[in-house]
Amino acid sequence: MAGRLDGKVAVITGGVSGIGLGTVELFVAEGARVVAADIQDEKGRMLERRFGGAVRYARSDVTVEGDIAGALGLANSEFGGLDILFNNAGISDMMRDVTEIQPETWSWIFDVLVRGPALGMKHATPLMLARGGGSIINTASIAGLQAGWGPIAYSSAKAAVIHLSRCAAAQLSPQKIRVNAICPGLIATSIFGASLGLPREVADQMAARVAEHGAKVQPVPKAGVPEDIAKAALYLASDDSEFVTGTHIVVDGGITVGSRHSWDQSGPSPFAALFPELGADAAAD
């Protein structure tokens, strides 16, 4: 049975752990050849050994334009071109008040989360045009849609990613290059530990806690895992989404549908809190 990405070549940044790794695994299973770009060399070498000729690792700091160009160039030289770019590499700041943010931190967050994808698109476009088109996918976040889901610099950058994707789609889609974003919710990865300032090893362990408790705070009673985002990326990367561009897909187990009372009647109703004299039953009506 043919895979949905047979014959396609992809570059995935942040590709050796978390969402990136889950997407590498799924894309290879669906027939793609993949360059996994990251800065975790040991994990990258292990990934190459695991998948043999289907995966190449490229050391790539997405804040360095030459690194991004190099990873995309590797896809071209090793696999003959480029069809898919998943700008997924991410970092997070610690939770802090806007009055406490440091200029250097703000710049670092935006360099990785916004400038990195923009540079990726810059260098991917000529390679995709040579193949007759392609698909660019950017990892945004529900933090870019609503306040309260992440640190302020991170949340602001993810909002920028959503609009960057929309603007780039307007420019590139007439040339058969589609651009879309994915907004993950609570996905069990190390980024939550990183936002608390924990070392990478401890942050990786914290992902297990997110997996354990995530299902309790959203309508869908299942912990979000990297494969959930990988499946959305597969749809956007494949020809199944050839009529989809300039939009974002929210993959969050329903956590942003409304207040807890909207999906858990035992939770506090904001309407009832405003009008307690009506009683809980009347407020529910």
C-alpha atoms as a PDB file:
ATOM      1  CA  MET A   1       0.000   0.000   0.000  1.00  0.00           C
ATOM      2  CA  ALA A   2       1.383   3.383  -1.021  1.00  0.00           C
ATOM      3  CA  GLY A   3       2.212   5.911   1.654  1.00  0.00           C
ATOM      4  CA  ARG A   4       0.705   9.379   1.643  1.00  0.00           C
ATOM      5  CA  LEU A   5       4.178  10.919   1.249  1.00  0.00           C
ATOM      6  CA  ASP A   6       5.749   8.476  -1.183  1.00  0.00           C
ATOM      7  CA  GLY A   7       8.470  10.179  -3.198  1.00  0.00           C
ATOM      8  CA  LYS A   8       8.437  13.343  -1.102  1.00  0.00           C
ATOM      9  CA  VAL A   9      11.364  14.945   0.719  1.00  0.00           C
ATOM     10  CA  ALA A  10      10.918  16.797   4.005  1.00  0.00           C
ATOM     11  CA  VAL A  11      12.999  18.895   6.365  1.00  0.00           C
ATOM     12  CA  ILE A  12      11.821  18.979   9.983  1.00  0.00           C
ATOM     13  CA  THR A  13      13.481  21.375  12.404  1.00  0.00           C
ATOM     14  CA  GLY A  14      13.599  20.333  16.039  1.00  0.00           C
ATOM     15  CA  GLY A  15      13.412  16.886  14.517  1.00  0.00           C
ATOM     16  CA  VAL A  16      15.089  14.643  17.073  1.00  0.00           C
ATOM     17  CA  SER A  17      12.732  14.947  20.040  1.00  0.00           C
ATOM     18  CA  GLY A  18       9.131  15.708  20.977  1.00  0.00           C
ATOM     19  CA  ILE A  19       6.794  16.765  18.185  1.00  0.00           C
ATOM     20  CA  GLY A  20       9.618  16.795  15.660  1.00  0.00           C
ATOM     21  CA  LEU A  21      10.618  13.209  16.365  1.00  0.00           C
ATOM     22  CA  GLY A  22       7.016  12.030  16.248  1.00  0.00           C
ATOM     23  CA  THR A  23       6.668  13.690  12.853  1.00  0.00           C
ATOM     24  CA  VAL A  24       9.900  12.196  11.513  1.00  0.00           C
ATOM     25  CA  GLU A  25       8.652   8.751  12.487  1.00  0.00           C
ATOM     26  CA  LEU A  26       5.260   9.232  10.838  1.00  0.00           C
ATOM     27  CA  PHE A  27       6.613  10.849   7.685  1.00  0.00           C
ATOM     28  CA  VAL A  28       9.092   8.013   7.151  1.00  0.00           C
ATOM     29  CA  ALA A  29       6.330   5.456   7.721  1.00  0.00           C
ATOM     30  CA  GLU A  30       4.323   7.249   5.022  1.00  0.00           C
ATOM     31  CA  GLY A  31       7.154   7.022   2.506  1.00  0.00           C
ATOM     32  CA  ALA A  32       9.042  10.303   2.871  1.00  0.00           C
ATOM     33  CA  ARG A  33      12.776  10.827   3.123  1.00  0.00           C
ATOM     34  CA  VAL A  34      13.560  13.270   5.872  1.00  0.00           C
ATOM     35  CA  VAL A  35      16.292  15.610   7.033  1.00  0.00           C
ATOM     36  CA  ALA A  36      15.987  16.038  10.803  1.00  0.00           C
ATOM     37  CA  ALA A  37      17.513  19.384  11.740  1.00  0.00           C
ATOM     38  CA  ASP A  38      18.387  20.002  15.383  1.00  0.00           C
ATOM     39  CA  ILE A  39      21.216  20.845  17.783  1.00  0.00           C
ATOM     40  CA  GLN A  40      21.161  17.540  19.720  1.00  0.00           C
ATOM     41  CA  ASP A  41      23.919  15.719  17.871  1.00  0.00           C
ATOM     42  CA  GLU A  42      23.861  12.430  19.773  1.00  0.00           C
ATOM     43  CA  LYS A  43      20.119  12.016  19.286  1.00  0.00           C
ATOM     44  CA  GLY A  44      20.545  12.985  15.643  1.00  0.00           C
ATOM     45  CA  ARG A  45      23.153  10.302  15.019  1.00  0.00           C
ATOM     46  CA  MET A  46      20.955   7.723  16.733  1.00  0.00           C
ATOM     47  CA  LEU A  47      18.077   8.733  14.465  1.00  0.00           C
ATOM     48  CA  GLU A  48      20.201   8.244  11.362  1.00  0.00           C
ATOM     49  CA  ARG A  49      21.220   4.773  12.509  1.00  0.00           C
ATOM     50  CA  ARG A  50      17.645   3.877  13.332  1.00  0.00           C
ATOM     51  CA  PHE A  51      16.219   4.786   9.915  1.00  0.00           C
ATOM     52  CA  GLY A  52      19.198   4.143   7.683  1.00  0.00           C
ATOM     53  CA  GLY A  53      19.033   5.915   4.328  1.00  0.00           C
ATOM     54  CA  ALA A  54      15.582   7.386   4.928  1.00  0.00           C
ATOM     55  CA  VAL A  55      16.785   9.989   7.453  1.00  0.00           C
ATOM     56  CA  ARG A  56      19.744  12.330   7.537  1.00  0.00           C
ATOM     57  CA  TYR A  57      20.634  14.527  10.485  1.00  0.00           C
ATOM     58  CA  ALA A  58      21.740  18.133  10.030  1.00  0.00           C
ATOM     59  CA  ARG A  59      23.051  20.171  12.927  1.00  0.00           C
ATOM     60  CA  SER A  60      21.045  23.361  12.634  1.00  0.00           C
ATOM     61  CA  ASP A  61      20.603  26.295  14.959  1.00  0.00           C
ATOM     62  CA  VAL A  62      17.592  28.041  13.430  1.00  0.00           C
ATOM     63  CA  THR A  63      18.881  31.430  14.554  1.00  0.00           C
ATOM     64  CA  VAL A  64      21.827  30.962  12.161  1.00  0.00           C
ATOM     65  CA  GLU A  65      20.835  31.471   8.545  1.00  0.00           C
ATOM     66  CA  GLY A  66      23.716  29.375   7.250  1.00  0.00           C
ATOM     67  CA  ASP A  67      22.591  26.417   9.360  1.00  0.00           C
ATOM     68  CA  ILE A  68      19.058  26.591   7.989  1.00  0.00           C
ATOM     69  CA  ALA A  69      20.301  26.883   4.423  1.00  0.00           C
ATOM     70  CA  GLY A  70      22.624  23.952   5.062  1.00  0.00           C
ATOM     71  CA  ALA A  71      19.849  21.666   6.295  1.00  0.00           C
ATOM     72  CA  LEU A  72      17.701  22.472   3.283  1.00  0.00           C
ATOM     73  CA  GLY A  73      20.684  22.066   0.994  1.00  0.00           C
ATOM     74  CA  LEU A  74      21.297  18.614   2.472  1.00  0.00           C
ATOM     75  CA  ALA A  75      17.785  17.572   1.494  1.00  0.00           C
ATOM     76  CA  ASN A  76      18.518  18.712  -2.028  1.00  0.00           C
ATOM     77  CA  SER A  77      21.923  17.051  -2.322  1.00  0.00           C
ATOM     78  CA  GLU A  78      21.045  13.795  -0.568  1.00  0.00           C
ATOM     79  CA  PHE A  79      17.452  13.270  -1.647  1.00  0.00           C
ATOM     80  CA  GLY A  80      17.117  15.323  -4.823  1.00  0.00           C
ATOM     81  CA  GLY A  81      14.951  18.235  -3.745  1.00  0.00           C
ATOM     82  CA  LEU A  82      12.465  19.510  -1.209  1.00  0.00           C
ATOM     83  CA  ASP A  83       8.685  19.148  -0.981  1.00  0.00           C
ATOM     84  CA  ILE A  84       7.914  19.776   2.705  1.00  0.00           C
ATOM     85  CA  LEU A  85       9.316  22.069   5.360  1.00  0.00           C
ATOM     86  CA  PHE A  86       8.087  21.716   8.939  1.00  0.00           C
ATOM     87  CA  ASN A  87       9.370  24.693  10.929  1.00  0.00           C
ATOM     88  CA  ASN A  88       8.976  23.078  14.318  1.00  0.00           C
ATOM     89  CA  ALA A  89      12.054  23.970  16.389  1.00  0.00           C
ATOM     90  CA  GLY A  90      10.955  25.690  19.563  1.00  0.00           C
ATOM     91  CA  ILE A  91      11.995  27.091  22.896  1.00  0.00           C
ATOM     92  CA  SER A  92      10.181  28.808  25.735  1.00  0.00           C
ATOM     93  CA  ASP A  93      10.979  31.401  28.328  1.00  0.00           C
ATOM     94  CA  MET A  94      10.072  31.092  31.999  1.00  0.00           C
ATOM     95  CA  MET A  95       6.676  32.381  33.094  1.00  0.00           C
ATOM     96  CA  ARG A  96       7.249  35.996  34.050  1.00  0.00           C
ATOM     97  CA  ASP A  97       5.467  39.339  34.143  1.00  0.00           C
ATOM     98  CA  VAL A  98       5.846  41.757  31.228  1.00  0.00           C
ATOM     99  CA  THR A  99       7.632  44.180  33.572  1.00  0.00           C
ATOM    100  CA  GLU A 100      10.345  41.568  34.178  1.00  0.00           C
ATOM    101  CA  ILE A 101      11.138  40.577  30.593  1.00  0.00           C
ATOM    102  CA  GLN A 102      14.712  41.215  29.473  1.00  0.00           C
ATOM    103  CA  PRO A 103      15.376  42.567  25.967  1.00  0.00           C
ATOM    104  CA  GLU A 104      17.865  39.773  25.269  1.00  0.00           C
ATOM    105  CA  THR A 105      15.322  37.117  26.203  1.00  0.00           C
ATOM    106  CA  TRP A 106      12.640  38.715  24.063  1.00  0.00           C
ATOM    107  CA  SER A 107      14.994  38.811  21.069  1.00  0.00           C
ATOM    108  CA  TRP A 108      16.107  35.199  21.608  1.00  0.00           C
ATOM    109  CA  ILE A 109      12.526  33.915  21.723  1.00  0.00           C
ATOM    110  CA  PHE A 110      11.558  35.797  18.560  1.00  0.00           C
ATOM    111  CA  ASP A 111      14.759  34.783  16.762  1.00  0.00           C
ATOM    112  CA  VAL A 112      14.006  31.091  17.276  1.00  0.00           C
ATOM    113  CA  LEU A 113      10.229  31.084  16.925  1.00  0.00           C
ATOM    114  CA  VAL A 114       9.639  33.736  14.237  1.00  0.00           C
ATOM    115  CA  ARG A 115      12.879  34.626  12.482  1.00  0.00           C
ATOM    116  CA  GLY A 116      13.821  30.926  12.194  1.00  0.00           C
ATOM    117  CA  PRO A 117      10.668  29.913  10.285  1.00  0.00           C
ATOM    118  CA  ALA A 118      10.931  33.032   8.108  1.00  0.00           C
ATOM    119  CA  LEU A 119      14.483  32.118   7.112  1.00  0.00           C
ATOM    120  CA  GLY A 120      13.405  28.526   6.552  1.00  0.00           C
ATOM    121  CA  MET A 121      10.739  29.688   4.128  1.00  0.00           C
ATOM    122  CA  LYS A 122      13.225  31.968   2.390  1.00  0.00           C
ATOM    123  CA  HIS A 123      15.613  29.128   1.592  1.00  0.00           C
ATOM    124  CA  ALA A 124      12.950  26.473   1.009  1.00  0.00           C
ATOM    125  CA  THR A 125      11.085  28.431  -1.642  1.00  0.00           C
ATOM    126  CA  PRO A 126      13.591  28.068  -4.524  1.00  0.00           C
ATOM    127  CA  LEU A 127      13.921  24.333  -3.880  1.00  0.00           C
ATOM    128  CA  MET A 128      10.147  23.872  -3.814  1.00  0.00           C
ATOM    129  CA  LEU A 129       9.683  25.918  -6.985  1.00  0.00           C
ATOM    130  CA  ALA A 130      12.107  23.566  -8.711  1.00  0.00           C
ATOM    131  CA  ARG A 131       9.801  20.664  -7.755  1.00  0.00           C
ATOM    132  CA  GLY A 132       6.653  22.443  -8.899  1.00  0.00           C
ATOM    133  CA  GLY A 133       5.417  23.413  -5.429  1.00  0.00           C
ATOM    134  CA  GLY A 134       5.377  22.225  -1.852  1.00  0.00           C
ATOM    135  CA  SER A 135       3.999  22.559   1.648  1.00  0.00           C
ATOM    136  CA  ILE A 136       5.355  24.651   4.512  1.00  0.00           C
ATOM    137  CA  ILE A 137       4.070  23.978   8.024  1.00  0.00           C
ATOM    138  CA  ASN A 138       4.861  26.179  11.008  1.00  0.00           C
ATOM    139  CA  THR A 139       4.391  25.183  14.634  1.00  0.00           C
ATOM    140  CA  ALA A 140       2.403  27.883  16.416  1.00  0.00           C
ATOM    141  CA  SER A 141       0.478  27.305  19.680  1.00  0.00           C
ATOM    142  CA  ILE A 142      -2.815  27.908  21.426  1.00  0.00           C
ATOM    143  CA  ALA A 143      -0.723  30.434  23.360  1.00  0.00           C
ATOM    144  CA  GLY A 144      -0.790  32.517  20.176  1.00  0.00           C
ATOM    145  CA  LEU A 145      -4.592  32.501  20.202  1.00  0.00           C
ATOM    146  CA  GLN A 146      -5.468  33.167  23.837  1.00  0.00           C
ATOM    147  CA  ALA A 147      -3.769  34.665  26.871  1.00  0.00           C
ATOM    148  CA  GLY A 148      -2.768  32.402  29.713  1.00  0.00           C
ATOM    149  CA  TRP A 149      -1.330  29.411  27.865  1.00  0.00           C
ATOM    150  CA  GLY A 150       2.320  30.388  27.920  1.00  0.00           C
ATOM    151  CA  PRO A 151       4.940  32.992  28.832  1.00  0.00           C
ATOM    152  CA  ILE A 152       4.352  36.431  27.340  1.00  0.00           C
ATOM    153  CA  ALA A 153       7.282  36.459  24.903  1.00  0.00           C
ATOM    154  CA  TYR A 154       6.519  32.910  23.755  1.00  0.00           C
ATOM    155  CA  SER A 155       2.814  33.668  23.346  1.00  0.00           C
ATOM    156  CA  SER A 156       3.495  36.851  21.397  1.00  0.00           C
ATOM    157  CA  ALA A 157       5.921  35.030  19.107  1.00  0.00           C
ATOM    158  CA  LYS A 158       3.449  32.243  18.424  1.00  0.00           C
ATOM    159  CA  ALA A 159       0.795  34.807  17.492  1.00  0.00           C
ATOM    160  CA  ALA A 160       3.337  36.222  15.052  1.00  0.00           C
ATOM    161  CA  VAL A 161       3.883  32.741  13.589  1.00  0.00           C
ATOM    162  CA  ILE A 162       0.173  32.436  12.812  1.00  0.00           C
ATOM    163  CA  HIS A 163       0.139  35.750  10.959  1.00  0.00           C
ATOM    164  CA  LEU A 164       3.491  35.039   9.307  1.00  0.00           C
ATOM    165  CA  SER A 165       1.979  31.842   7.917  1.00  0.00           C
ATOM    166  CA  ARG A 166      -1.029  33.743   6.595  1.00  0.00           C
ATOM    167  CA  CYS A 167       1.066  36.435   4.922  1.00  0.00           C
ATOM    168  CA  ALA A 168       3.510  33.936   3.425  1.00  0.00           C
ATOM    169  CA  ALA A 169       0.594  31.880   2.083  1.00  0.00           C
ATOM    170  CA  ALA A 170      -0.698  34.952   0.263  1.00  0.00           C
ATOM    171  CA  GLN A 171       2.673  35.377  -1.429  1.00  0.00           C
ATOM    172  CA  LEU A 172       3.567  31.762  -2.150  1.00  0.00           C
ATOM    173  CA  SER A 173       0.332  29.885  -2.788  1.00  0.00           C
ATOM    174  CA  PRO A 174      -0.038  31.232  -6.355  1.00  0.00           C
ATOM    175  CA  GLN A 175       3.272  29.451  -6.980  1.00  0.00           C
ATOM    176  CA  LYS A 176       1.808  26.201  -5.600  1.00  0.00           C
ATOM    177  CA  ILE A 177       3.576  26.478  -2.246  1.00  0.00           C
ATOM    178  CA  ARG A 178       1.046  26.208   0.569  1.00  0.00           C
ATOM    179  CA  VAL A 179       1.747  27.629   4.025  1.00  0.00           C
ATOM    180  CA  ASN A 180      -0.176  26.683   7.165  1.00  0.00           C
ATOM    181  CA  ALA A 181       0.309  26.562  10.934  1.00  0.00           C
ATOM    182  CA  ILE A 182      -0.536  24.073  13.660  1.00  0.00           C
ATOM    183  CA  CYS A 183      -1.549  25.257  17.133  1.00  0.00           C
ATOM    184  CA  PRO A 184      -0.834  22.484  19.653  1.00  0.00           C
ATOM    185  CA  GLY A 185      -2.430  22.453  23.084  1.00  0.00           C
ATOM    186  CA  LEU A 186      -1.008  20.549  26.049  1.00  0.00           C
ATOM    187  CA  ILE A 187       1.326  18.092  24.351  1.00  0.00           C
ATOM    188  CA  ALA A 188       3.620  15.942  26.471  1.00  0.00           C
ATOM    189  CA  THR A 189       7.024  17.323  25.517  1.00  0.00           C
ATOM    190  CA  SER A 190       9.939  18.887  27.376  1.00  0.00           C
ATOM    191  CA  ILE A 191       8.979  22.456  26.483  1.00  0.00           C
ATOM    192  CA  PHE A 192       6.855  22.779  29.633  1.00  0.00           C
ATOM    193  CA  GLY A 193       9.840  22.024  31.832  1.00  0.00           C
ATOM    194  CA  ALA A 194      11.935  24.422  29.798  1.00  0.00           C
ATOM    195  CA  SER A 195       9.427  27.207  30.483  1.00  0.00           C
ATOM    196  CA  LEU A 196      10.152  26.698  34.187  1.00  0.00           C
ATOM    197  CA  GLY A 197      13.871  26.972  33.613  1.00  0.00           C
ATOM    198  CA  LEU A 198      14.591  23.289  34.221  1.00  0.00           C
ATOM    199  CA  PRO A 199      17.614  21.519  32.678  1.00  0.00           C
ATOM    200  CA  ARG A 200      16.851  19.488  29.549  1.00  0.00           C
ATOM    201  CA  GLU A 201      17.105  16.137  31.374  1.00  0.00           C
ATOM    202  CA  VAL A 202      14.613  17.228  34.025  1.00  0.00           C
ATOM    203  CA  ALA A 203      12.385  18.851  31.424  1.00  0.00           C
ATOM    204  CA  ASP A 204      12.237  15.559  29.521  1.00  0.00           C
ATOM    205  CA  GLN A 205      11.041  13.836  32.692  1.00  0.00           C
ATOM    206  CA  MET A 206       8.400  16.508  33.217  1.00  0.00           C
ATOM    207  CA  ALA A 207       6.816  15.543  29.904  1.00  0.00           C
ATOM    208  CA  ALA A 208       5.610  12.372  31.615  1.00  0.00           C
ATOM    209  CA  ARG A 209       3.734  14.492  34.168  1.00  0.00           C
ATOM    210  CA  VAL A 210       2.011  16.406  31.381  1.00  0.00           C
ATOM    211  CA  ALA A 211       0.978  13.105  29.820  1.00  0.00           C
ATOM    212  CA  GLU A 212      -0.345  11.880  33.160  1.00  0.00           C
ATOM    213  CA  HIS A 213      -2.421  14.926  34.052  1.00  0.00           C
ATOM    214  CA  GLY A 214      -3.194  16.590  30.715  1.00  0.00           C
ATOM    215  CA  ALA A 215      -6.349  14.593  30.063  1.00  0.00           C
ATOM    216  CA  LYS A 216      -7.939  15.997  33.217  1.00  0.00           C
ATOM    217  CA  VAL A 217      -8.028  19.610  32.064  1.00  0.00           C
ATOM    218  CA  GLN A 218      -9.639  19.331  28.624  1.00  0.00           C
ATOM    219  CA  PRO A 219     -12.824  17.936  27.049  1.00  0.00           C
ATOM    220  CA  VAL A 220     -11.093  15.086  25.215  1.00  0.00           C
ATOM    221  CA  PRO A 221     -10.093  12.675  28.000  1.00  0.00           C
ATOM    222  CA  LYS A 222      -6.747  11.752  26.434  1.00  0.00           C
ATOM    223  CA  ALA A 223      -3.294  13.131  26.998  1.00  0.00           C
ATOM    224  CA  GLY A 224      -1.919  15.027  24.035  1.00  0.00           C
ATOM    225  CA  VAL A 225       1.159  13.341  22.564  1.00  0.00           C
ATOM    226  CA  PRO A 226       3.556  14.289  19.736  1.00  0.00           C
ATOM    227  CA  GLU A 227       1.827  11.867  17.377  1.00  0.00           C
ATOM    228  CA  ASP A 228      -1.339  13.983  17.560  1.00  0.00           C
ATOM    229  CA  ILE A 229       0.529  16.924  16.057  1.00  0.00           C
ATOM    230  CA  ALA A 230       2.385  14.672  13.623  1.00  0.00           C
ATOM    231  CA  LYS A 231      -0.940  13.498  12.189  1.00  0.00           C
ATOM    232  CA  ALA A 232      -2.018  17.083  11.585  1.00  0.00           C
ATOM    233  CA  ALA A 233       1.344  17.792   9.957  1.00  0.00           C
ATOM    234  CA  LEU A 234       0.900  14.711   7.742  1.00  0.00           C
ATOM    235  CA  TYR A 235      -2.433  16.047   6.513  1.00  0.00           C
ATOM    236  CA  LEU A 236      -0.947  19.458   5.728  1.00  0.00           C
ATOM    237  CA  ALA A 237       2.118  17.905   4.082  1.00  0.00           C
ATOM    238  CA  SER A 238       0.150  15.522   1.898  1.00  0.00           C
ATOM    239  CA  ASP A 239      -1.881  16.126  -1.236  1.00  0.00           C
ATOM    240  CA  ASP A 240      -5.028  15.634   0.863  1.00  0.00           C
ATOM    241  CA  SER A 241      -4.731  19.311   1.834  1.00  0.00           C
ATOM    242  CA  GLU A 242      -3.987  20.705  -1.624  1.00  0.00           C
ATOM    243  CA  PHE A 243      -6.871  23.226  -1.228  1.00  0.00           C
ATOM    244  CA  VAL A 244      -5.790  24.366   2.257  1.00  0.00           C
ATOM    245  CA  THR A 245      -3.493  27.337   2.778  1.00  0.00           C
ATOM    246  CA  GLY A 246      -3.094  30.413   4.954  1.00  0.00           C
ATOM    247  CA  THR A 247      -4.842  28.935   7.960  1.00  0.00           C
ATOM    248  CA  HIS A 248      -4.084  27.279  11.283  1.00  0.00           C
ATOM    249  CA  ILE A 249      -5.279  23.986  12.719  1.00  0.00           C
ATOM    250  CA  VAL A 250      -5.900  23.804  16.460  1.00  0.00           C
ATOM    251  CA  VAL A 251      -4.957  20.416  17.942  1.00  0.00           C
ATOM    252  CA  ASP A 252      -5.676  20.823  21.645  1.00  0.00           C
ATOM    253  CA  GLY A 253      -8.189  18.244  22.850  1.00  0.00           C
ATOM    254  CA  GLY A 254     -10.768  21.031  22.998  1.00  0.00           C
ATOM    255  CA  ILE A 255      -9.054  22.915  25.814  1.00  0.00           C
ATOM    256  CA  THR A 256      -9.764  26.271  24.164  1.00  0.00           C
ATOM    257  CA  VAL A 257     -13.471  25.678  23.426  1.00  0.00           C
ATOM    258  CA  GLY A 258     -14.541  27.657  26.493  1.00  0.00           C
ATOM    259  CA  SER A 259     -14.475  27.742  30.262  1.00  0.00           C
ATOM    260  CA  ARG A 260     -14.385  24.444  32.104  1.00  0.00           C
ATOM    261  CA  HIS A 261     -18.123  24.688  32.743  1.00  0.00           C
ATOM    262  CA  SER A 262     -18.721  24.425  28.977  1.00  0.00           C
ATOM    263  CA  TRP A 263     -17.644  20.798  29.026  1.00  0.00           C
ATOM    264  CA  ASP A 264     -17.741  19.850  32.715  1.00  0.00           C
ATOM    265  CA  GLN A 265     -21.029  20.683  34.424  1.00  0.00           C
ATOM    266  CA  SER A 266     -19.438  20.129  37.824  1.00  0.00           C
ATOM    267  CA  GLY A 267     -17.114  23.040  37.148  1.00  0.00           C
ATOM    268  CA  PRO A 268     -17.927  26.617  38.186  1.00  0.00           C
ATOM    269  CA  SER A 269     -20.170  28.540  35.810  1.00  0.00           C
ATOM    270  CA  PRO A 270     -19.054  32.122  35.158  1.00  0.00           C
ATOM    271  CA  PHE A 271     -22.689  32.994  34.353  1.00  0.00           C
ATOM    272  CA  ALA A 272     -23.876  31.652  37.700  1.00  0.00           C
ATOM    273  CA  ALA A 273     -21.134  33.622  39.453  1.00  0.00           C
ATOM    274  CA  LEU A 274     -22.418  36.820  37.866  1.00  0.00           C
ATOM    275  CA  PHE A 275     -26.090  36.100  38.641  1.00  0.00           C
ATOM    276  CA  PRO A 276     -26.203  33.884  41.737  1.00  0.00           C
ATOM    277  CA  GLU A 277     -29.837  34.848  42.420  1.00  0.00           C
ATOM    278  CA  LEU A 278     -30.897  32.893  39.318  1.00  0.00           C
ATOM    279  CA  GLY A 279     -29.603  29.623  40.726  1.00  0.00           C
ATOM    280  CA  ALA A 280     -27.431  27.044  39.043  1.00  0.00           C
ATOM    281  CA  ASP A 281     -30.278  25.434  37.109  1.00  0.00           C
ATOM    282  CA  ALA A 282     -31.456  28.688  35.567  1.00  0.00           C
ATOM    283  CA  ALA A 283     -27.896  29.657  34.656  1.00  0.00           C
ATOM    284  CA  ALA A 284     -27.425  26.335  32.932  1.00  0.00           C
ATOM    285  CA  ASP A 285     -30.525  26.997  30.805  1.00  0.00           C
END
